[in-house]
N, C-alpha and C. Protein backbone atom coordinates (compact mmCIF):
# COMPACT_ATOMS: atom_id res chain seq x y z
N UNK A 1 8.13 -7.64 144.94
CA UNK A 1 6.70 -7.72 144.74
C UNK A 1 6.11 -8.64 145.80
N UNK A 2 4.84 -8.96 145.64
CA UNK A 2 4.17 -9.82 146.61
C UNK A 2 4.66 -11.25 146.45
N UNK A 3 4.88 -11.89 147.57
CA UNK A 3 5.41 -13.25 147.56
C UNK A 3 4.34 -14.19 148.10
N UNK A 4 3.20 -14.20 147.47
CA UNK A 4 2.12 -15.04 147.96
C UNK A 4 1.98 -16.30 147.11
N UNK A 5 1.43 -17.30 147.72
CA UNK A 5 1.24 -18.57 147.03
C UNK A 5 -0.01 -18.51 146.16
N UNK A 6 0.09 -19.12 145.01
CA UNK A 6 -1.06 -19.27 144.12
C UNK A 6 -1.47 -20.74 144.12
N UNK A 7 -2.75 -20.97 144.16
CA UNK A 7 -3.27 -22.34 144.24
C UNK A 7 -3.83 -22.72 142.87
N UNK A 8 -3.53 -23.94 142.45
CA UNK A 8 -3.98 -24.46 141.16
C UNK A 8 -4.65 -25.82 141.36
N UNK A 9 -5.73 -26.07 140.64
CA UNK A 9 -6.27 -27.42 140.57
C UNK A 9 -5.67 -28.07 139.33
N UNK A 10 -5.34 -29.35 139.43
CA UNK A 10 -4.72 -30.08 138.34
C UNK A 10 -5.74 -31.08 137.80
N UNK A 11 -6.03 -30.98 136.51
CA UNK A 11 -7.02 -31.82 135.87
C UNK A 11 -6.34 -32.71 134.84
N UNK A 12 -6.70 -34.00 134.85
CA UNK A 12 -6.19 -34.94 133.85
C UNK A 12 -7.37 -35.69 133.25
N UNK A 13 -7.16 -36.22 132.04
CA UNK A 13 -8.24 -36.94 131.36
C UNK A 13 -7.90 -38.42 131.31
N UNK A 14 -8.73 -39.25 131.96
CA UNK A 14 -8.49 -40.69 131.91
C UNK A 14 -8.82 -41.25 130.52
N UNK A 15 -8.08 -42.27 130.12
CA UNK A 15 -8.39 -42.96 128.88
C UNK A 15 -8.53 -44.45 129.18
N UNK A 16 -8.57 -45.31 128.15
CA UNK A 16 -8.79 -46.75 128.37
C UNK A 16 -7.66 -47.38 129.19
N UNK A 17 -6.45 -46.86 129.06
CA UNK A 17 -5.30 -47.49 129.71
C UNK A 17 -4.99 -46.86 131.06
N UNK A 18 -5.79 -45.97 131.53
CA UNK A 18 -5.50 -45.31 132.81
C UNK A 18 -5.63 -43.81 132.67
N UNK A 19 -4.52 -43.12 132.91
CA UNK A 19 -4.51 -41.66 132.88
C UNK A 19 -3.65 -41.19 131.72
N UNK A 20 -4.21 -40.33 130.91
CA UNK A 20 -3.44 -39.69 129.85
C UNK A 20 -2.70 -38.53 130.50
N UNK A 21 -1.38 -38.60 130.58
CA UNK A 21 -0.62 -37.60 131.32
C UNK A 21 -0.45 -36.33 130.50
N UNK A 22 -1.45 -35.50 130.53
CA UNK A 22 -1.38 -34.17 129.95
C UNK A 22 -2.18 -33.27 130.89
N UNK A 23 -1.60 -32.92 132.03
CA UNK A 23 -2.37 -32.19 133.04
C UNK A 23 -2.69 -30.77 132.60
N UNK A 24 -3.83 -30.30 133.05
CA UNK A 24 -4.26 -28.93 132.82
C UNK A 24 -4.33 -28.26 134.18
N UNK A 25 -3.62 -27.15 134.35
CA UNK A 25 -3.59 -26.42 135.61
C UNK A 25 -4.53 -25.22 135.50
N UNK A 26 -5.43 -25.10 136.48
CA UNK A 26 -6.37 -23.98 136.51
C UNK A 26 -6.18 -23.25 137.83
N UNK A 27 -5.86 -21.96 137.74
CA UNK A 27 -5.60 -21.15 138.94
C UNK A 27 -6.90 -20.86 139.67
N UNK A 28 -6.83 -20.87 140.98
CA UNK A 28 -7.95 -20.45 141.80
C UNK A 28 -8.01 -18.93 141.81
N UNK A 29 -9.20 -18.39 141.83
CA UNK A 29 -9.35 -16.95 141.99
C UNK A 29 -9.53 -16.21 140.68
N UNK A 30 -9.20 -14.93 140.72
CA UNK A 30 -9.44 -14.00 139.63
C UNK A 30 -8.55 -14.30 138.44
N UNK A 31 -9.13 -14.21 137.23
CA UNK A 31 -8.36 -14.40 136.01
C UNK A 31 -8.23 -13.07 135.27
N UNK A 32 -7.03 -12.53 135.26
CA UNK A 32 -6.78 -11.27 134.57
C UNK A 32 -6.99 -11.37 133.07
N UNK A 33 -6.52 -12.43 132.40
CA UNK A 33 -6.80 -12.52 130.96
C UNK A 33 -8.30 -12.59 130.68
N UNK A 34 -9.05 -13.27 131.55
CA UNK A 34 -10.50 -13.32 131.38
C UNK A 34 -11.15 -11.97 131.59
N UNK A 35 -10.60 -11.17 132.46
CA UNK A 35 -11.12 -9.82 132.72
C UNK A 35 -10.84 -8.88 131.55
N UNK A 36 -9.63 -8.95 131.01
CA UNK A 36 -9.23 -8.01 129.97
C UNK A 36 -9.76 -8.44 128.59
N UNK A 37 -9.60 -9.71 128.26
CA UNK A 37 -9.96 -10.21 126.93
C UNK A 37 -11.16 -11.15 127.04
N UNK A 38 -12.28 -10.65 127.48
CA UNK A 38 -13.43 -11.47 127.84
C UNK A 38 -13.80 -12.47 126.75
N UNK A 39 -14.18 -12.01 125.60
CA UNK A 39 -14.67 -12.91 124.55
C UNK A 39 -13.55 -13.78 123.99
N UNK A 40 -12.39 -13.20 123.74
CA UNK A 40 -11.27 -13.99 123.22
C UNK A 40 -10.84 -15.06 124.21
N UNK A 41 -10.84 -14.72 125.50
CA UNK A 41 -10.47 -15.68 126.53
C UNK A 41 -11.46 -16.84 126.55
N UNK A 42 -12.76 -16.53 126.48
CA UNK A 42 -13.78 -17.58 126.49
C UNK A 42 -13.66 -18.48 125.26
N UNK A 43 -13.43 -17.89 124.11
CA UNK A 43 -13.28 -18.69 122.89
C UNK A 43 -12.01 -19.54 122.93
N UNK A 44 -10.92 -18.98 123.43
CA UNK A 44 -9.66 -19.72 123.51
C UNK A 44 -9.81 -20.97 124.37
N UNK A 45 -10.58 -20.86 125.46
CA UNK A 45 -10.76 -21.99 126.37
C UNK A 45 -11.97 -22.85 126.01
N UNK A 46 -12.54 -22.61 124.82
CA UNK A 46 -13.67 -23.39 124.33
C UNK A 46 -14.87 -23.33 125.25
N UNK A 47 -15.11 -22.16 125.81
CA UNK A 47 -16.28 -21.93 126.65
C UNK A 47 -17.38 -21.34 125.77
N UNK A 48 -18.03 -22.19 124.99
CA UNK A 48 -18.94 -21.73 123.95
C UNK A 48 -20.17 -21.04 124.52
N UNK A 49 -20.81 -21.62 125.51
CA UNK A 49 -22.03 -21.03 126.05
C UNK A 49 -21.77 -19.66 126.68
N UNK A 50 -20.76 -19.50 127.54
CA UNK A 50 -20.49 -18.15 128.05
C UNK A 50 -20.14 -17.16 126.94
N UNK A 51 -19.43 -17.62 125.91
CA UNK A 51 -19.08 -16.72 124.80
C UNK A 51 -20.33 -16.25 124.07
N UNK A 52 -21.24 -17.17 123.81
CA UNK A 52 -22.48 -16.81 123.13
C UNK A 52 -23.31 -15.86 123.99
N UNK A 53 -23.40 -16.14 125.28
CA UNK A 53 -24.16 -15.27 126.18
C UNK A 53 -23.55 -13.87 126.26
N UNK A 54 -22.23 -13.79 126.24
CA UNK A 54 -21.57 -12.49 126.28
C UNK A 54 -21.84 -11.70 125.00
N UNK A 55 -21.83 -12.37 123.86
CA UNK A 55 -22.12 -11.69 122.59
C UNK A 55 -23.57 -11.20 122.59
N UNK A 56 -24.49 -12.02 123.05
CA UNK A 56 -25.90 -11.63 123.11
C UNK A 56 -26.08 -10.44 124.06
N UNK A 57 -25.42 -10.47 125.22
CA UNK A 57 -25.52 -9.36 126.17
C UNK A 57 -24.96 -8.07 125.57
N UNK A 58 -23.83 -8.17 124.87
CA UNK A 58 -23.26 -6.99 124.21
C UNK A 58 -24.21 -6.44 123.16
N UNK A 59 -24.80 -7.33 122.38
CA UNK A 59 -25.75 -6.92 121.34
C UNK A 59 -26.96 -6.21 121.96
N UNK A 60 -27.49 -6.77 123.06
CA UNK A 60 -28.63 -6.15 123.73
C UNK A 60 -28.27 -4.78 124.30
N UNK A 61 -27.07 -4.64 124.84
CA UNK A 61 -26.65 -3.34 125.37
C UNK A 61 -26.55 -2.30 124.25
N UNK A 62 -26.06 -2.69 123.10
CA UNK A 62 -25.98 -1.76 121.98
C UNK A 62 -27.38 -1.37 121.52
N UNK A 63 -28.29 -2.34 121.43
CA UNK A 63 -29.66 -2.03 121.03
C UNK A 63 -30.33 -1.09 122.03
N UNK A 64 -30.15 -1.36 123.33
CA UNK A 64 -30.75 -0.50 124.35
C UNK A 64 -30.16 0.90 124.33
N UNK A 65 -28.88 1.00 124.01
CA UNK A 65 -28.24 2.32 123.92
C UNK A 65 -28.76 3.07 122.70
N UNK A 66 -28.90 2.38 121.59
CA UNK A 66 -29.41 3.03 120.38
C UNK A 66 -30.88 3.45 120.53
N UNK A 67 -31.61 2.71 121.36
CA UNK A 67 -33.01 3.06 121.62
C UNK A 67 -33.12 4.11 122.72
N UNK A 68 -32.00 4.59 123.20
CA UNK A 68 -31.92 5.62 124.25
C UNK A 68 -32.53 5.16 125.57
N UNK A 69 -32.51 3.86 125.82
CA UNK A 69 -32.95 3.33 127.11
C UNK A 69 -31.78 3.21 128.07
N UNK A 70 -30.57 3.19 127.54
CA UNK A 70 -29.34 3.18 128.33
C UNK A 70 -28.48 4.36 127.90
N UNK A 71 -27.89 5.01 128.86
CA UNK A 71 -26.92 6.05 128.51
C UNK A 71 -25.57 5.37 128.23
N UNK A 72 -24.69 6.11 127.62
CA UNK A 72 -23.38 5.55 127.33
C UNK A 72 -22.63 5.25 128.63
N UNK A 73 -22.83 6.06 129.64
CA UNK A 73 -22.18 5.81 130.93
C UNK A 73 -22.71 4.54 131.58
N UNK A 74 -24.04 4.34 131.55
CA UNK A 74 -24.58 3.12 132.14
C UNK A 74 -24.16 1.88 131.36
N UNK A 75 -24.05 2.02 130.02
CA UNK A 75 -23.56 0.89 129.23
C UNK A 75 -22.11 0.57 129.60
N UNK A 76 -21.31 1.60 129.81
CA UNK A 76 -19.92 1.40 130.22
C UNK A 76 -19.85 0.72 131.58
N UNK A 77 -20.72 1.12 132.51
CA UNK A 77 -20.74 0.51 133.84
C UNK A 77 -21.15 -0.96 133.77
N UNK A 78 -22.16 -1.26 132.96
CA UNK A 78 -22.61 -2.65 132.80
C UNK A 78 -21.52 -3.47 132.12
N UNK A 79 -20.88 -2.89 131.13
CA UNK A 79 -19.79 -3.57 130.42
C UNK A 79 -18.65 -3.89 131.39
N UNK A 80 -18.29 -2.94 132.23
CA UNK A 80 -17.25 -3.17 133.23
C UNK A 80 -17.69 -4.26 134.21
N UNK A 81 -18.97 -4.27 134.57
CA UNK A 81 -19.51 -5.33 135.44
C UNK A 81 -19.39 -6.70 134.81
N UNK A 82 -19.65 -6.79 133.50
CA UNK A 82 -19.46 -8.06 132.79
C UNK A 82 -18.01 -8.52 132.87
N UNK A 83 -17.11 -7.60 132.67
CA UNK A 83 -15.69 -7.93 132.74
C UNK A 83 -15.31 -8.43 134.13
N UNK A 84 -15.80 -7.75 135.17
CA UNK A 84 -15.53 -8.22 136.54
C UNK A 84 -16.12 -9.60 136.78
N UNK A 85 -17.34 -9.80 136.31
CA UNK A 85 -18.00 -11.09 136.49
C UNK A 85 -17.21 -12.22 135.85
N UNK A 86 -16.76 -12.00 134.62
CA UNK A 86 -15.96 -13.02 133.93
C UNK A 86 -14.63 -13.21 134.65
N UNK A 87 -14.03 -12.13 135.12
CA UNK A 87 -12.77 -12.24 135.85
C UNK A 87 -12.89 -13.11 137.09
N UNK A 88 -14.00 -12.96 137.81
CA UNK A 88 -14.17 -13.74 139.04
C UNK A 88 -14.72 -15.13 138.80
N UNK A 89 -15.52 -15.33 137.76
CA UNK A 89 -16.14 -16.64 137.52
C UNK A 89 -15.46 -17.47 136.44
N UNK A 90 -14.58 -16.86 135.67
CA UNK A 90 -14.00 -17.52 134.51
C UNK A 90 -13.31 -18.84 134.80
N UNK A 91 -12.49 -18.88 135.83
CA UNK A 91 -11.77 -20.12 136.13
C UNK A 91 -12.72 -21.22 136.59
N UNK A 92 -13.82 -20.85 137.26
CA UNK A 92 -14.82 -21.86 137.63
C UNK A 92 -15.52 -22.40 136.39
N UNK A 93 -15.80 -21.51 135.43
CA UNK A 93 -16.39 -21.97 134.16
C UNK A 93 -15.44 -22.93 133.47
N UNK A 94 -14.15 -22.62 133.51
CA UNK A 94 -13.15 -23.47 132.87
C UNK A 94 -13.10 -24.84 133.54
N UNK A 95 -13.13 -24.87 134.87
CA UNK A 95 -13.14 -26.15 135.59
C UNK A 95 -14.37 -26.97 135.23
N UNK A 96 -15.53 -26.35 135.16
CA UNK A 96 -16.76 -27.06 134.80
C UNK A 96 -16.70 -27.58 133.36
N UNK A 97 -16.12 -26.79 132.47
CA UNK A 97 -15.96 -27.23 131.09
C UNK A 97 -15.04 -28.45 131.00
N UNK A 98 -13.94 -28.42 131.73
CA UNK A 98 -13.03 -29.57 131.74
C UNK A 98 -13.74 -30.80 132.29
N UNK A 99 -14.55 -30.62 133.31
CA UNK A 99 -15.29 -31.75 133.89
C UNK A 99 -16.25 -32.34 132.86
N UNK A 100 -16.95 -31.48 132.11
CA UNK A 100 -17.87 -31.97 131.08
C UNK A 100 -17.13 -32.70 129.96
N UNK A 101 -15.88 -32.33 129.72
CA UNK A 101 -15.09 -32.98 128.67
C UNK A 101 -14.39 -34.25 129.16
N UNK A 102 -14.67 -34.66 130.39
CA UNK A 102 -14.14 -35.92 130.89
C UNK A 102 -12.90 -35.81 131.76
N UNK A 103 -12.46 -34.62 132.07
CA UNK A 103 -11.29 -34.45 132.93
C UNK A 103 -11.71 -34.64 134.38
N UNK A 104 -10.77 -35.14 135.17
CA UNK A 104 -11.00 -35.26 136.60
C UNK A 104 -9.93 -34.46 137.35
N UNK A 105 -10.27 -34.03 138.55
CA UNK A 105 -9.30 -33.31 139.38
C UNK A 105 -8.38 -34.35 140.00
N UNK A 106 -7.09 -34.28 139.66
CA UNK A 106 -6.16 -35.26 140.18
C UNK A 106 -5.38 -34.75 141.38
N UNK A 107 -5.26 -33.43 141.50
CA UNK A 107 -4.46 -32.89 142.59
C UNK A 107 -4.75 -31.40 142.73
N UNK A 108 -4.31 -30.86 143.84
CA UNK A 108 -4.29 -29.42 144.08
C UNK A 108 -2.87 -29.08 144.46
N UNK A 109 -2.31 -28.08 143.82
CA UNK A 109 -0.93 -27.71 144.09
C UNK A 109 -0.84 -26.20 144.29
N UNK A 110 0.25 -25.75 144.85
CA UNK A 110 0.45 -24.32 145.10
C UNK A 110 1.90 -23.98 144.86
N UNK A 111 2.13 -22.71 144.56
CA UNK A 111 3.49 -22.24 144.36
C UNK A 111 3.51 -20.74 144.26
N UNK A 112 4.71 -20.18 144.36
CA UNK A 112 4.87 -18.73 144.24
C UNK A 112 4.67 -18.26 142.80
N UNK A 113 4.81 -19.19 141.85
CA UNK A 113 4.57 -18.91 140.44
C UNK A 113 3.98 -20.17 139.82
N UNK A 114 3.55 -20.04 138.58
CA UNK A 114 3.00 -21.19 137.88
C UNK A 114 4.03 -22.31 137.77
N UNK A 115 5.26 -21.95 137.40
CA UNK A 115 6.31 -22.96 137.24
C UNK A 115 6.64 -23.65 138.55
N UNK A 116 6.62 -22.90 139.64
CA UNK A 116 6.88 -23.50 140.95
C UNK A 116 5.76 -24.47 141.32
N UNK A 117 4.53 -24.14 141.00
CA UNK A 117 3.41 -25.04 141.28
C UNK A 117 3.51 -26.32 140.44
N UNK A 118 3.89 -26.18 139.18
CA UNK A 118 4.06 -27.36 138.32
C UNK A 118 5.20 -28.23 138.86
N UNK A 119 6.30 -27.60 139.27
CA UNK A 119 7.43 -28.35 139.82
C UNK A 119 7.01 -29.12 141.06
N UNK A 120 6.28 -28.49 141.95
CA UNK A 120 5.83 -29.19 143.17
C UNK A 120 4.91 -30.35 142.83
N UNK A 121 4.04 -30.16 141.84
CA UNK A 121 3.14 -31.23 141.41
C UNK A 121 3.93 -32.41 140.86
N UNK A 122 4.89 -32.13 139.98
CA UNK A 122 5.69 -33.20 139.38
C UNK A 122 6.56 -33.91 140.41
N UNK A 123 7.11 -33.17 141.37
CA UNK A 123 7.90 -33.81 142.43
C UNK A 123 7.04 -34.77 143.25
N UNK A 124 5.81 -34.36 143.57
CA UNK A 124 4.91 -35.24 144.31
C UNK A 124 4.53 -36.45 143.47
N UNK A 125 4.31 -36.22 142.18
CA UNK A 125 3.93 -37.31 141.29
C UNK A 125 5.05 -38.36 141.19
N UNK A 126 6.29 -37.90 141.08
CA UNK A 126 7.43 -38.80 140.99
C UNK A 126 7.65 -39.52 142.33
N UNK A 127 7.47 -38.83 143.43
CA UNK A 127 7.66 -39.43 144.75
C UNK A 127 6.65 -40.54 145.01
N UNK A 128 5.42 -40.35 144.53
CA UNK A 128 4.38 -41.37 144.73
C UNK A 128 4.67 -42.56 143.83
N UNK A 129 5.20 -42.26 142.61
CA UNK A 129 5.69 -43.26 141.68
C UNK A 129 4.67 -44.13 141.15
């Protein structure tokens, strides 16, 4: 398969004693789970505002379809557009949510897989000591 590097931002939450070591890794780029499971993905990551906006948009599309202002094909196209939008913007929403919850970006790491990226991050962390 493709042997390309994936880039992750590493977020940690500082506490009174320094850094609470429970890093959160967020991949750069497109999020497939966000594309496929739009609302569930947003709720899982506690992205309340995007989840509410997505539900409202879905409700409006159903109303417009029932009022015969949208065809089923155009509703499908708009729905697919929403999925693409969440797929491309989802990880940025997640980063902004972590920032609002007090997390800071502590590092950027890369690897051929998620585990490889975590390993590289931990090796650097231990080396800095």
